[in-house]
Amino acid sequence: MGGVTKTGADYAWFENDFPDLAEAYCFTLVRGPAPDDVVSRLDGRKERSLHGIAAVVDAAFARYDLEEGERQLVALTTVGAWTLLIEANGYLGVTEERALPASAGATWVSHFVNINAVGTFLWAQDRVQRLCFDPMFPEDRWGSAPDELVDVMQDIGFHFGEDAPETDLSSPAAFALAEHVTGVAVTPALLEDTTFSCFTVRIR
């Protein structure tokens, strides 16, 4: 991890260009295990591949209805040495009882927002939670290294202080912080042009 190269403002396109996904999502980056091993660690069941994030969003909601909310569709691709998992309307990546065991021997960086604007950023390493916080409330952090990235978080654009910011960049800032930790940039082309491997995971 070097200096800050992206800020929350650099990811403002996400909410504008992908509003259906931006309402509720979870992005997870995993380094260490092979992609098939990540799926295995989550007890995933392989499904057919899908091209582009719009198809993933549609399939995720259809799957939720079909499974009566018991299984979550997860889209997967690789970006360099990292495995990227995307959940539309999901939260598996920040669910500690699933994510921490799955992070054995791995680096796990995940961020989530639901339709009520409740969010979580989780950075784990080898089953240890290093940093966890709600991007809207970055002053309340926990984990084994809760203060390691405070200066970076401020530079990226997380809002520290009592007064509400004119523009809420908490969700875009979570993308920028994930990129800072992993070196992986999420781009419109990545979301639109990728053919994602897909699997479903039992969530209840």
Protein backbone atom coordinates (compact mmCIF):
# COMPACT_ATOMS: atom_id res chain seq x y z
CA MET A 1 0.00 0.00 0.00
CA GLY A 2 1.44 3.32 -1.05
CA GLY A 3 0.01 6.81 -0.99
CA VAL A 4 -3.59 7.59 -1.83
CA THR A 5 -4.20 7.53 -5.58
CA LYS A 6 -8.02 7.54 -5.61
CA THR A 7 -10.55 9.38 -3.48
CA GLY A 8 -14.25 8.91 -2.97
CA ALA A 9 -14.91 11.49 -5.69
CA ASP A 10 -13.15 9.20 -8.18
CA TYR A 11 -15.81 6.55 -7.57
CA ALA A 12 -18.84 8.87 -7.74
CA TRP A 13 -19.62 7.30 -11.13
CA PHE A 14 -20.73 4.08 -9.45
CA GLU A 15 -23.96 5.47 -8.01
CA ASN A 16 -24.68 7.43 -11.20
CA ASP A 17 -23.92 4.69 -13.72
CA PHE A 18 -25.13 1.61 -11.82
CA PRO A 19 -28.07 2.82 -9.70
CA ASP A 20 -29.75 -0.59 -9.42
CA LEU A 21 -26.62 -2.15 -7.96
CA ALA A 22 -25.65 0.92 -5.92
CA GLU A 23 -28.84 0.67 -3.86
CA ALA A 24 -27.63 -2.50 -2.14
CA TYR A 25 -24.41 -4.41 -2.81
CA CYS A 26 -21.37 -6.12 -1.40
CA PHE A 27 -17.96 -6.11 -3.12
CA THR A 28 -15.27 -8.46 -1.79
CA LEU A 29 -11.64 -8.89 -2.85
CA VAL A 30 -9.74 -11.99 -1.75
CA ARG A 31 -6.05 -12.72 -2.22
CA GLY A 32 -4.47 -16.07 -1.42
CA PRO A 33 -6.77 -18.98 -2.27
CA ALA A 34 -7.60 -19.87 -5.85
CA PRO A 35 -11.07 -18.78 -7.02
CA ASP A 36 -12.48 -22.33 -6.79
CA ASP A 37 -11.13 -22.53 -3.24
CA VAL A 38 -12.94 -19.30 -2.34
CA VAL A 39 -16.19 -20.80 -3.65
CA SER A 40 -15.52 -24.00 -1.67
CA ARG A 41 -14.80 -22.07 1.53
CA LEU A 42 -18.19 -20.41 1.22
CA ASP A 43 -19.93 -23.72 0.42
CA GLY A 44 -20.93 -22.27 -2.92
CA ARG A 45 -22.97 -24.06 -5.56
CA LYS A 46 -21.91 -23.31 -9.14
CA GLU A 47 -24.43 -21.61 -11.41
CA ARG A 48 -24.29 -20.50 -15.04
CA SER A 49 -21.99 -17.63 -16.00
CA LEU A 50 -23.42 -14.19 -16.76
CA HIS A 51 -22.09 -11.37 -18.94
CA GLY A 52 -22.15 -7.89 -17.45
CA ILE A 53 -23.28 -6.63 -14.10
CA ALA A 54 -26.82 -5.78 -15.28
CA ALA A 55 -27.44 -9.48 -15.92
CA VAL A 56 -25.98 -10.29 -12.50
CA VAL A 57 -28.31 -7.83 -10.76
CA ASP A 58 -31.37 -9.23 -12.56
CA ALA A 59 -30.35 -12.81 -11.80
CA ALA A 60 -29.63 -12.02 -8.14
CA PHE A 61 -33.13 -10.70 -7.51
CA ALA A 62 -34.70 -13.53 -9.50
CA ARG A 63 -32.69 -16.06 -7.50
CA TYR A 64 -33.71 -14.42 -4.22
CA ASP A 65 -37.38 -14.80 -5.16
CA LEU A 66 -36.89 -18.35 -6.44
CA GLU A 67 -35.06 -19.47 -3.31
CA GLU A 68 -37.36 -17.47 -1.01
CA GLY A 69 -34.37 -15.57 0.34
CA GLU A 70 -32.44 -18.65 1.38
CA ARG A 71 -29.61 -18.41 -1.18
CA GLN A 72 -27.56 -15.47 -2.46
CA LEU A 73 -26.17 -15.22 -5.97
CA VAL A 74 -22.50 -14.21 -6.09
CA ALA A 75 -20.64 -13.14 -9.25
CA LEU A 76 -16.93 -13.91 -9.43
CA THR A 77 -14.00 -12.84 -11.57
CA THR A 78 -10.26 -12.48 -11.16
CA VAL A 79 -8.37 -9.19 -11.27
CA GLY A 80 -4.66 -9.87 -11.23
CA ALA A 81 -3.87 -11.90 -8.12
CA TRP A 82 -7.23 -11.10 -6.53
CA THR A 83 -10.62 -12.78 -6.70
CA LEU A 84 -13.48 -10.29 -6.90
CA LEU A 85 -16.89 -11.28 -5.56
CA ILE A 86 -19.93 -9.11 -6.24
CA GLU A 87 -23.29 -9.52 -4.53
CA ALA A 88 -26.34 -7.56 -5.61
CA ASN A 89 -28.51 -7.02 -2.53
CA GLY A 90 -26.15 -9.25 -0.52
CA TYR A 91 -23.96 -9.08 2.56
CA LEU A 92 -22.08 -12.38 2.72
CA GLY A 93 -18.69 -10.69 2.30
CA VAL A 94 -19.04 -8.68 5.51
CA THR A 95 -20.72 -11.41 7.57
CA GLU A 96 -17.96 -12.13 10.09
CA GLU A 97 -18.96 -15.70 10.89
CA ARG A 98 -18.56 -16.53 7.19
CA ALA A 99 -15.84 -14.10 6.09
CA LEU A 100 -13.32 -14.61 8.89
CA PRO A 101 -13.07 -18.41 8.55
CA ALA A 102 -12.92 -18.02 4.76
CA SER A 103 -9.99 -15.59 5.13
CA ALA A 104 -7.64 -18.29 6.50
CA GLY A 105 -4.25 -17.71 4.87
CA ALA A 106 -5.77 -14.89 2.84
CA THR A 107 -6.39 -11.16 2.69
CA TRP A 108 -10.09 -10.30 2.62
CA VAL A 109 -11.40 -6.80 1.89
CA SER A 110 -15.14 -6.28 1.66
CA HIS A 111 -17.59 -3.38 1.71
CA PHE A 112 -21.36 -3.41 1.79
CA VAL A 113 -24.33 -1.06 1.69
CA ASN A 114 -27.99 -2.00 2.03
CA ILE A 115 -31.12 -0.22 0.86
CA ASN A 116 -31.35 1.59 4.22
CA ALA A 117 -27.83 3.05 3.73
CA VAL A 118 -26.41 0.87 6.50
CA GLY A 119 -22.87 -0.07 5.51
CA THR A 120 -19.81 -2.04 6.58
CA PHE A 121 -16.16 -2.04 5.54
CA LEU A 122 -14.25 -5.16 6.59
CA TRP A 123 -10.53 -5.84 6.22
CA ALA A 124 -9.44 -9.23 7.50
CA GLN A 125 -6.21 -11.20 7.28
CA ASP A 126 -5.84 -14.88 8.11
CA ARG A 127 -9.02 -15.03 10.21
CA VAL A 128 -8.17 -11.81 12.08
CA GLN A 129 -10.38 -8.75 11.70
CA ARG A 130 -7.93 -5.87 11.16
CA LEU A 131 -10.43 -3.09 10.53
CA CYS A 132 -14.21 -2.81 10.54
CA PHE A 133 -16.45 0.25 10.45
CA ASP A 134 -19.56 1.77 8.90
CA PRO A 135 -18.38 4.09 6.09
CA MET A 136 -20.90 6.72 7.20
CA PHE A 137 -19.42 6.73 10.70
CA PRO A 138 -15.65 6.30 10.26
CA GLU A 139 -14.83 7.57 13.74
CA ASP A 140 -16.25 4.36 15.24
CA ARG A 141 -13.75 1.67 14.19
CA TRP A 142 -12.73 -1.69 15.63
CA GLY A 143 -10.42 -4.60 14.87
CA SER A 144 -6.78 -5.42 15.56
CA ALA A 145 -5.50 -2.33 13.67
CA PRO A 146 -8.36 0.20 13.80
CA ASP A 147 -6.17 3.29 13.46
CA GLU A 148 -3.68 2.10 10.83
CA LEU A 149 -5.51 3.75 7.93
CA VAL A 150 -7.00 6.82 9.60
CA ASP A 151 -4.84 9.31 7.68
CA VAL A 152 -5.60 7.49 4.43
CA MET A 153 -9.31 7.46 5.23
CA GLN A 154 -9.28 11.23 5.76
CA ASP A 155 -7.40 11.81 2.49
CA ILE A 156 -9.83 9.55 0.61
CA GLY A 157 -12.82 11.57 1.78
CA PHE A 158 -14.48 9.78 4.67
CA HIS A 159 -16.27 12.37 6.78
CA PHE A 160 -14.96 12.81 10.30
CA GLY A 161 -16.92 15.22 12.45
CA GLU A 162 -20.38 16.00 13.73
CA ASP A 163 -21.63 18.18 10.87
CA ALA A 164 -23.15 16.29 7.95
CA PRO A 165 -21.19 16.74 4.72
CA GLU A 166 -22.78 18.56 1.78
CA THR A 167 -22.21 15.47 -0.37
CA ASP A 168 -22.14 12.01 1.18
CA LEU A 169 -19.19 10.18 -0.36
CA SER A 170 -19.08 7.36 2.19
CA SER A 171 -19.93 4.60 -0.27
CA PRO A 172 -17.60 5.80 -3.05
CA ALA A 173 -14.90 6.29 -0.40
CA ALA A 174 -15.24 2.63 0.57
CA PHE A 175 -14.37 1.68 -3.04
CA ALA A 176 -11.33 3.96 -2.90
CA LEU A 177 -10.19 2.50 0.42
CA ALA A 178 -10.57 -1.04 -0.92
CA GLU A 179 -8.43 -0.04 -3.90
CA HIS A 180 -5.83 1.45 -1.57
CA VAL A 181 -5.58 -1.79 0.41
CA THR A 182 -5.67 -4.17 -2.56
CA GLY A 183 -4.40 -2.19 -5.53
CA VAL A 184 -7.47 -3.34 -7.48
CA ALA A 185 -9.51 -0.67 -9.25
CA VAL A 186 -13.18 -1.32 -9.93
CA THR A 187 -14.08 0.36 -13.23
CA PRO A 188 -17.21 0.71 -15.35
CA ALA A 189 -15.60 -1.46 -18.03
CA LEU A 190 -14.87 -4.20 -15.51
CA LEU A 191 -18.52 -4.26 -14.46
CA GLU A 192 -20.00 -3.99 -17.95
CA ASP A 193 -17.66 -6.17 -20.02
CA THR A 194 -16.80 -9.09 -17.71
CA THR A 195 -18.33 -12.53 -18.06
CA PHE A 196 -18.71 -13.51 -14.42
CA SER A 197 -18.57 -17.01 -13.04
CA CYS A 198 -21.51 -17.34 -10.66
CA PHE A 199 -22.43 -19.40 -7.64
CA THR A 200 -25.04 -19.34 -4.92
CA VAL A 201 -24.51 -19.55 -1.18
CA ARG A 202 -26.98 -20.44 1.53
CA ILE A 203 -27.53 -17.39 3.74
CA ARG A 204 -30.08 -18.75 6.16
